[in-house]
Amino acid sequence: MHLRADIWVAAYLRRCSSEGAYAVLRRRGAAEAGAIFVKTDRLDGFAALYGPAPQSELAELGIDRVWRRVHDQDWIETLQVEERIAKEIKFDPDLWLIEVEDRQGRCFLDLAKES
């Protein structure tokens, strides 16, 4: 059973706060099943954007949600992340967007293995 997006987002925001990172919901999507994207900003001009990993990764790891970077480099310029976010919203206007500000670049997500 897949946890509703709105419940997962609320728990994730609390997790970030408890770890000392600032996190904010920038865009609310469909409550039951909206895709969730997470921007992690290191506050040095570089950021990363995480989106849902392929469903096959879920079965392998046995967890509810798995994430992957949606770009090749570990960190890209913040403007590039914002451009990618705009494209994703154009493709799926019901997506959720969370922004995490953390100088250490922590994302607090279960990441898929890189292939």
C-alpha atoms as a PDB file:
ATOM      1  CA  MET A   1       0.000   0.000   0.000  1.00  0.00           C
ATOM      2  CA  HIS A   2       1.319   3.416  -1.006  1.00  0.00           C
ATOM      3  CA  LEU A   3       1.171   6.175   1.628  1.00  0.00           C
ATOM      4  CA  ARG A   4      -0.847   9.199   0.529  1.00  0.00           C
ATOM      5  CA  ALA A   5       1.293  12.061  -0.768  1.00  0.00           C
ATOM      6  CA  ASP A   6      -0.087  14.623   1.686  1.00  0.00           C
ATOM      7  CA  ILE A   7       0.690  12.414   4.692  1.00  0.00           C
ATOM      8  CA  TRP A   8       4.185  11.601   3.412  1.00  0.00           C
ATOM      9  CA  VAL A   9       4.936  15.303   2.807  1.00  0.00           C
ATOM     10  CA  ALA A  10       3.831  16.295   6.319  1.00  0.00           C
ATOM     11  CA  ALA A  11       6.047  13.597   7.852  1.00  0.00           C
ATOM     12  CA  TYR A  12       8.999  14.566   5.645  1.00  0.00           C
ATOM     13  CA  LEU A  13       8.748  18.231   6.640  1.00  0.00           C
ATOM     14  CA  ARG A  14       8.796  17.212  10.312  1.00  0.00           C
ATOM     15  CA  ARG A  15      11.807  14.970   9.686  1.00  0.00           C
ATOM     16  CA  CYS A  16      13.784  17.785   8.071  1.00  0.00           C
ATOM     17  CA  SER A  17      12.932  20.110  10.942  1.00  0.00           C
ATOM     18  CA  SER A  18      13.992  17.555  13.541  1.00  0.00           C
ATOM     19  CA  GLU A  19      17.349  17.179  11.745  1.00  0.00           C
ATOM     20  CA  GLY A  20      17.946  20.937  11.853  1.00  0.00           C
ATOM     21  CA  ALA A  21      17.270  21.670   8.183  1.00  0.00           C
ATOM     22  CA  TYR A  22      14.789  24.274   6.983  1.00  0.00           C
ATOM     23  CA  ALA A  23      12.118  22.758   4.729  1.00  0.00           C
ATOM     24  CA  VAL A  24       9.073  24.339   3.172  1.00  0.00           C
ATOM     25  CA  LEU A  25       6.244  23.164   0.947  1.00  0.00           C
ATOM     26  CA  ARG A  26       6.480  25.299  -2.196  1.00  0.00           C
ATOM     27  CA  ARG A  27       3.706  23.624  -4.158  1.00  0.00           C
ATOM     28  CA  ARG A  28       0.802  21.447  -3.067  1.00  0.00           C
ATOM     29  CA  GLY A  29      -0.183  18.684  -5.455  1.00  0.00           C
ATOM     30  CA  ALA A  30      -2.846  15.999  -5.585  1.00  0.00           C
ATOM     31  CA  ALA A  31      -3.405  14.716  -2.024  1.00  0.00           C
ATOM     32  CA  GLU A  32      -3.763  11.034  -2.816  1.00  0.00           C
ATOM     33  CA  ALA A  33      -1.143  10.377  -5.441  1.00  0.00           C
ATOM     34  CA  GLY A  34       0.643  13.485  -6.670  1.00  0.00           C
ATOM     35  CA  ALA A  35       4.281  13.074  -7.696  1.00  0.00           C
ATOM     36  CA  ILE A  36       6.669  14.609  -5.168  1.00  0.00           C
ATOM     37  CA  PHE A  37       9.877  16.466  -6.019  1.00  0.00           C
ATOM     38  CA  VAL A  38      12.429  17.653  -3.468  1.00  0.00           C
ATOM     39  CA  LYS A  39      14.901  20.460  -4.093  1.00  0.00           C
ATOM     40  CA  THR A  40      17.901  20.486  -1.757  1.00  0.00           C
ATOM     41  CA  ASP A  41      19.664  23.855  -1.740  1.00  0.00           C
ATOM     42  CA  ARG A  42      23.142  24.084  -0.181  1.00  0.00           C
ATOM     43  CA  LEU A  43      22.832  27.907  -0.091  1.00  0.00           C
ATOM     44  CA  ASP A  44      26.070  28.299  -2.047  1.00  0.00           C
ATOM     45  CA  GLY A  45      24.529  28.672  -5.510  1.00  0.00           C
ATOM     46  CA  PHE A  46      24.217  24.911  -6.030  1.00  0.00           C
ATOM     47  CA  ALA A  47      21.290  22.567  -5.502  1.00  0.00           C
ATOM     48  CA  ALA A  48      19.963  19.125  -6.378  1.00  0.00           C
ATOM     49  CA  LEU A  49      16.512  18.028  -7.476  1.00  0.00           C
ATOM     50  CA  TYR A  50      15.127  14.627  -6.535  1.00  0.00           C
ATOM     51  CA  GLY A  51      12.122  12.938  -8.090  1.00  0.00           C
ATOM     52  CA  PRO A  52      10.434   9.551  -7.888  1.00  0.00           C
ATOM     53  CA  ALA A  53      12.614   6.620  -8.942  1.00  0.00           C
ATOM     54  CA  PRO A  54      11.225   3.926 -11.267  1.00  0.00           C
ATOM     55  CA  GLN A  55       8.743   1.571  -9.605  1.00  0.00           C
ATOM     56  CA  SER A  56      11.118  -1.382 -10.061  1.00  0.00           C
ATOM     57  CA  GLU A  57      13.403   0.170  -7.421  1.00  0.00           C
ATOM     58  CA  LEU A  58      10.575   0.006  -4.870  1.00  0.00           C
ATOM     59  CA  ALA A  59      10.211  -3.750  -5.164  1.00  0.00           C
ATOM     60  CA  GLU A  60      13.957  -4.299  -4.782  1.00  0.00           C
ATOM     61  CA  LEU A  61      14.241  -2.211  -1.622  1.00  0.00           C
ATOM     62  CA  GLY A  62      10.881  -3.034  -0.064  1.00  0.00           C
ATOM     63  CA  ILE A  63      10.038   0.568   0.869  1.00  0.00           C
ATOM     64  CA  ASP A  64       7.200   2.933   0.029  1.00  0.00           C
ATOM     65  CA  ARG A  65       9.057   5.658  -1.888  1.00  0.00           C
ATOM     66  CA  VAL A  66      12.473   5.735  -3.538  1.00  0.00           C
ATOM     67  CA  TRP A  67      14.126   8.800  -5.020  1.00  0.00           C
ATOM     68  CA  ARG A  68      16.747   9.670  -7.612  1.00  0.00           C
ATOM     69  CA  ARG A  69      18.447  12.843  -8.776  1.00  0.00           C
ATOM     70  CA  VAL A  70      16.805  14.076 -11.957  1.00  0.00           C
ATOM     71  CA  HIS A  71      20.131  15.356 -13.326  1.00  0.00           C
ATOM     72  CA  ASP A  72      23.501  13.716 -13.975  1.00  0.00           C
ATOM     73  CA  GLN A  73      25.812  15.818 -11.791  1.00  0.00           C
ATOM     74  CA  ASP A  74      25.664  15.651  -8.007  1.00  0.00           C
ATOM     75  CA  TRP A  75      25.055  19.412  -7.726  1.00  0.00           C
ATOM     76  CA  ILE A  76      23.984  21.916 -10.360  1.00  0.00           C
ATOM     77  CA  GLU A  77      23.407  25.662 -10.319  1.00  0.00           C
ATOM     78  CA  THR A  78      20.228  26.717  -8.559  1.00  0.00           C
ATOM     79  CA  LEU A  79      18.930  28.388 -11.726  1.00  0.00           C
ATOM     80  CA  GLN A  80      19.208  25.069 -13.595  1.00  0.00           C
ATOM     81  CA  VAL A  81      17.178  23.361 -10.868  1.00  0.00           C
ATOM     82  CA  GLU A  82      14.486  26.030 -11.129  1.00  0.00           C
ATOM     83  CA  GLU A  83      14.355  25.565 -14.916  1.00  0.00           C
ATOM     84  CA  ARG A  84      13.908  21.810 -14.450  1.00  0.00           C
ATOM     85  CA  ILE A  85      11.162  22.405 -11.881  1.00  0.00           C
ATOM     86  CA  ALA A  86       9.311  24.623 -14.365  1.00  0.00           C
ATOM     87  CA  LYS A  87       9.481  21.837 -16.985  1.00  0.00           C
ATOM     88  CA  GLU A  88       8.202  19.249 -14.499  1.00  0.00           C
ATOM     89  CA  ILE A  89       5.271  21.491 -13.500  1.00  0.00           C
ATOM     90  CA  LYS A  90       4.406  22.045 -17.150  1.00  0.00           C
ATOM     91  CA  PHE A  91       4.360  18.253 -17.627  1.00  0.00           C
ATOM     92  CA  ASP A  92       2.497  17.505 -14.354  1.00  0.00           C
ATOM     93  CA  PRO A  93       0.642  20.453 -12.781  1.00  0.00           C
ATOM     94  CA  ASP A  94      -0.445  18.240  -9.832  1.00  0.00           C
ATOM     95  CA  LEU A  95       3.060  17.642  -8.498  1.00  0.00           C
ATOM     96  CA  TRP A  96       4.249  18.495  -5.005  1.00  0.00           C
ATOM     97  CA  LEU A  97       7.426  20.527  -4.502  1.00  0.00           C
ATOM     98  CA  ILE A  98       9.380  20.649  -1.272  1.00  0.00           C
ATOM     99  CA  GLU A  99      12.449  22.826  -0.828  1.00  0.00           C
ATOM    100  CA  VAL A 100      15.076  21.932   1.766  1.00  0.00           C
ATOM    101  CA  GLU A 101      17.800  24.393   2.715  1.00  0.00           C
ATOM    102  CA  ASP A 102      20.761  22.610   4.242  1.00  0.00           C
ATOM    103  CA  ARG A 103      24.383  23.766   3.968  1.00  0.00           C
ATOM    104  CA  GLN A 104      25.508  20.130   4.248  1.00  0.00           C
ATOM    105  CA  GLY A 105      23.321  19.148   1.285  1.00  0.00           C
ATOM    106  CA  ARG A 106      21.392  16.470   3.172  1.00  0.00           C
ATOM    107  CA  CYS A 107      18.184  15.329   1.491  1.00  0.00           C
ATOM    108  CA  PHE A 108      16.785  12.837   4.057  1.00  0.00           C
ATOM    109  CA  LEU A 109      15.439  10.581   1.267  1.00  0.00           C
ATOM    110  CA  ASP A 110      15.802   6.871   0.443  1.00  0.00           C
ATOM    111  CA  LEU A 111      17.849   7.053  -2.762  1.00  0.00           C
ATOM    112  CA  ALA A 112      17.823   4.462  -5.542  1.00  0.00           C
ATOM    113  CA  LYS A 113      21.083   2.826  -6.433  1.00  0.00           C
ATOM    114  CA  GLU A 114      22.859   4.523  -9.305  1.00  0.00           C
ATOM    115  CA  SER A 115      23.226   2.336 -12.358  1.00  0.00           C
END
